[in-house]
């Protein structure tokens, strides 16, 4: 009787282990974006190991493999985030790694936006701050906020009414390019303009 009892416990333990493994290895779902015509679906979020408290930390990298879909790459090149953000008539302001200061190119891009806003005083503009996938979600939300605020402050210095502007940070949650390399990360460090 004792031998049968031990055997039943062994079968039960193996059954529980098998169930745990099948439940724990569920595949992530992807979310299709609805952007520009022909914009493909893509991952709703890019996961990477959570590095330490510094955002866009260079020491921790995600796997170097890119999604095999050529459509995802063409979507990112066309300037439509794989998460389906609203297209903009303005270029994005790009930022250096872990920085929120505008570059010379960023100032030129902002000047074009300021000229439009001054010619269209009833227009409302939202500035979205974005980061690459490296760093914690909290740090990147704060960095995205600093980026959006830096652009807003510069637009106000160029004569745009502060009341026509708003900011929001998406941190690393809405990548323009889903890749895991410097080329993709450079595209994702940006401020994006959305006319309201």
Protein backbone atom coordinates (compact mmCIF):
# COMPACT_ATOMS: atom_id res chain seq x y z
CA UNK A 1 0.00 0.00 0.00
CA UNK A 2 2.81 2.40 0.88
CA UNK A 3 4.49 1.87 -2.57
CA UNK A 4 1.22 2.72 -4.40
CA UNK A 5 0.79 5.87 -2.30
CA UNK A 6 4.30 7.19 -3.25
CA UNK A 7 3.69 6.38 -6.91
CA UNK A 8 0.44 8.43 -6.93
CA UNK A 9 2.25 11.43 -5.41
CA UNK A 10 4.94 11.20 -8.09
CA UNK A 11 2.33 11.16 -10.88
CA UNK A 12 0.52 14.12 -9.27
CA UNK A 13 3.76 16.13 -8.98
CA UNK A 14 4.66 15.45 -12.64
CA UNK A 15 1.15 16.43 -13.77
CA UNK A 16 1.33 19.74 -11.88
CA UNK A 17 4.79 20.47 -13.34
CA UNK A 18 3.54 19.79 -16.89
CA UNK A 19 0.51 22.07 -16.42
CA UNK A 20 2.69 24.83 -14.93
CA UNK A 21 5.04 24.73 -17.89
CA UNK A 22 2.27 24.85 -20.47
CA UNK A 23 0.58 27.81 -18.75
CA UNK A 24 3.82 29.70 -18.06
CA UNK A 25 5.04 29.56 -21.66
CA UNK A 26 2.10 31.29 -23.32
CA UNK A 27 3.00 33.25 -26.43
CA UNK A 28 2.58 37.04 -26.38
CA UNK A 29 -0.17 38.43 -28.53
CA UNK A 30 0.47 41.16 -31.04
CA UNK A 31 -1.81 44.08 -31.71
CA UNK A 32 -2.46 45.31 -35.22
CA UNK A 33 -2.06 49.00 -35.77
CA UNK A 34 -4.44 51.12 -37.71
CA UNK A 35 -2.35 53.89 -39.19
CA UNK A 36 -1.58 54.85 -42.73
CA UNK A 37 -3.06 52.76 -45.53
CA UNK A 38 -1.21 49.49 -45.74
CA UNK A 39 0.29 49.90 -42.27
CA UNK A 40 0.97 46.44 -40.92
CA UNK A 41 0.20 45.12 -37.47
CA UNK A 42 3.00 44.97 -34.97
CA UNK A 43 3.70 44.28 -31.35
CA UNK A 44 1.64 46.35 -28.93
CA UNK A 45 4.71 46.83 -26.81
CA UNK A 46 8.31 45.87 -27.04
CA UNK A 47 9.53 43.96 -24.01
CA UNK A 48 13.07 44.11 -22.85
CA UNK A 49 14.71 43.10 -19.63
CA UNK A 50 14.25 45.84 -17.09
CA UNK A 51 17.62 47.52 -16.61
CA UNK A 52 18.52 49.54 -13.56
CA UNK A 53 17.07 52.91 -12.66
CA UNK A 54 18.75 54.87 -15.46
CA UNK A 55 16.66 55.26 -18.63
CA UNK A 56 17.97 54.19 -21.99
CA UNK A 57 20.81 52.50 -20.09
CA UNK A 58 23.57 51.33 -22.44
CA UNK A 59 24.71 48.37 -20.32
CA UNK A 60 21.56 46.31 -20.82
CA UNK A 61 20.53 45.46 -24.34
CA UNK A 62 17.59 43.58 -25.71
CA UNK A 63 18.19 40.66 -28.09
CA UNK A 64 19.66 41.88 -31.39
CA UNK A 65 17.13 40.04 -33.58
CA UNK A 66 14.64 42.15 -35.52
CA UNK A 67 11.19 40.96 -36.52
CA UNK A 68 11.34 39.22 -39.91
CA UNK A 69 8.52 41.28 -41.35
CA UNK A 70 9.64 43.68 -44.05
CA UNK A 71 6.34 45.46 -43.58
CA UNK A 72 7.20 46.50 -40.01
CA UNK A 73 10.46 48.04 -41.19
CA UNK A 74 8.73 49.91 -44.03
CA UNK A 75 6.12 51.19 -41.58
CA UNK A 76 8.82 52.61 -39.32
CA UNK A 77 10.60 54.18 -42.29
CA UNK A 78 7.33 55.80 -43.38
CA UNK A 79 7.07 57.48 -39.97
CA UNK A 80 4.04 55.63 -38.60
CA UNK A 81 4.58 53.92 -35.27
CA UNK A 82 3.75 50.24 -35.17
CA UNK A 83 1.38 51.09 -32.33
CA UNK A 84 -0.82 53.15 -34.66
CA UNK A 85 -0.07 56.70 -33.58
CA UNK A 86 -1.66 59.53 -35.49
CA UNK A 87 0.44 60.64 -38.46
CA UNK A 88 1.78 64.17 -38.33
CA UNK A 89 2.36 66.73 -41.04
CA UNK A 90 5.50 67.73 -39.12
CA UNK A 91 8.78 65.89 -38.76
CA UNK A 92 9.57 64.48 -35.33
CA UNK A 93 12.19 66.18 -33.17
CA UNK A 94 14.97 63.63 -32.51
CA UNK A 95 16.97 63.46 -29.29
CA UNK A 96 20.39 62.15 -28.37
CA UNK A 97 20.70 59.17 -26.05
CA UNK A 98 19.33 59.91 -22.55
CA UNK A 99 19.00 63.65 -23.36
CA UNK A 100 16.12 66.11 -23.47
CA UNK A 101 17.96 69.11 -24.96
CA UNK A 102 17.05 70.11 -28.51
CA UNK A 103 19.73 69.63 -31.14
CA UNK A 104 20.24 72.08 -34.01
CA UNK A 105 18.04 69.83 -36.21
CA UNK A 106 15.40 69.79 -33.47
CA UNK A 107 15.37 73.58 -33.38
CA UNK A 108 14.94 73.78 -37.18
CA UNK A 109 12.05 71.30 -37.03
CA UNK A 110 10.47 73.26 -34.18
CA UNK A 111 10.79 76.50 -36.19
CA UNK A 112 8.65 74.96 -38.97
CA UNK A 113 6.04 73.96 -36.37
CA UNK A 114 6.15 77.44 -34.78
CA UNK A 115 5.64 79.13 -38.15
CA UNK A 116 2.57 76.98 -38.79
CA UNK A 117 1.13 77.61 -35.33
CA UNK A 118 1.56 81.39 -35.64
CA UNK A 119 -0.17 81.38 -39.04
CA UNK A 120 -3.00 79.25 -37.60
CA UNK A 121 -3.76 80.78 -34.18
CA UNK A 122 -6.82 78.55 -33.60
CA UNK A 123 -4.79 75.36 -34.01
CA UNK A 124 -4.09 73.18 -30.97
CA UNK A 125 -1.01 71.00 -30.83
CA UNK A 126 -0.12 68.10 -28.58
CA UNK A 127 3.56 67.24 -28.19
CA UNK A 128 4.24 63.58 -27.41
CA UNK A 129 7.50 62.60 -25.71
CA UNK A 130 8.94 59.18 -26.60
CA UNK A 131 12.01 57.14 -25.59
CA UNK A 132 13.75 54.00 -26.74
CA UNK A 133 13.11 50.68 -25.00
CA UNK A 134 16.11 50.77 -22.66
CA UNK A 135 15.53 51.81 -19.06
CA UNK A 136 12.63 51.43 -16.66
CA UNK A 137 9.12 52.47 -17.59
CA UNK A 138 9.09 55.11 -14.83
CA UNK A 139 12.39 56.69 -15.88
CA UNK A 140 11.38 56.78 -19.54
CA UNK A 141 8.01 58.36 -18.75
CA UNK A 142 9.87 61.15 -16.94
CA UNK A 143 12.41 61.49 -19.77
CA UNK A 144 9.61 61.59 -22.38
CA UNK A 145 7.94 64.33 -20.34
CA UNK A 146 11.18 66.35 -20.23
CA UNK A 147 11.53 65.98 -24.02
CA UNK A 148 7.98 67.12 -24.72
CA UNK A 149 8.33 70.02 -22.28
CA UNK A 150 11.65 71.10 -23.84
CA UNK A 151 10.00 71.29 -27.27
CA UNK A 152 6.98 73.16 -25.85
CA UNK A 153 9.26 75.66 -24.08
CA UNK A 154 11.19 76.26 -27.29
CA UNK A 155 7.97 76.76 -29.30
CA UNK A 156 6.77 79.32 -26.72
CA UNK A 157 10.13 81.13 -27.01
CA UNK A 158 9.47 81.35 -30.77
CA UNK A 159 6.13 83.11 -30.17
CA UNK A 160 3.64 80.22 -30.07
CA UNK A 161 0.86 80.69 -27.51
CA UNK A 162 1.35 78.34 -24.55
CA UNK A 163 -2.43 77.86 -24.42
CA UNK A 164 -2.33 76.22 -27.87
CA UNK A 165 0.14 73.56 -26.69
CA UNK A 166 -0.13 70.47 -24.50
CA UNK A 167 2.30 67.67 -23.70
CA UNK A 168 2.06 63.96 -22.95
CA UNK A 169 4.73 61.33 -22.36
CA UNK A 170 4.50 57.79 -23.66
CA UNK A 171 7.98 56.81 -22.47
CA UNK A 172 8.97 53.61 -24.24
CA UNK A 173 5.42 52.30 -24.74
CA UNK A 174 4.89 53.46 -28.34
CA UNK A 175 8.00 52.73 -30.38
CA UNK A 176 8.17 54.02 -33.93
CA UNK A 177 10.55 51.19 -34.84
CA UNK A 178 10.21 47.80 -33.07
CA UNK A 179 13.88 46.90 -33.63
CA UNK A 180 16.42 46.27 -30.90
CA UNK A 181 19.46 48.11 -32.24
CA UNK A 182 20.86 51.65 -32.32
CA UNK A 183 19.15 52.48 -35.62
CA UNK A 184 15.72 51.66 -34.15
CA UNK A 185 16.47 53.31 -30.80
CA UNK A 186 17.50 56.56 -32.53
CA UNK A 187 14.11 56.67 -34.32
CA UNK A 188 12.27 56.11 -31.03
CA UNK A 189 13.96 58.97 -29.09
CA UNK A 190 11.66 61.75 -30.27
CA UNK A 191 8.96 64.30 -29.78
CA UNK A 192 5.95 63.75 -32.06
CA UNK A 193 3.42 66.46 -33.00
CA UNK A 194 -0.33 65.84 -33.21
CA UNK A 195 -2.69 68.62 -34.31
CA UNK A 196 -5.94 68.55 -32.31
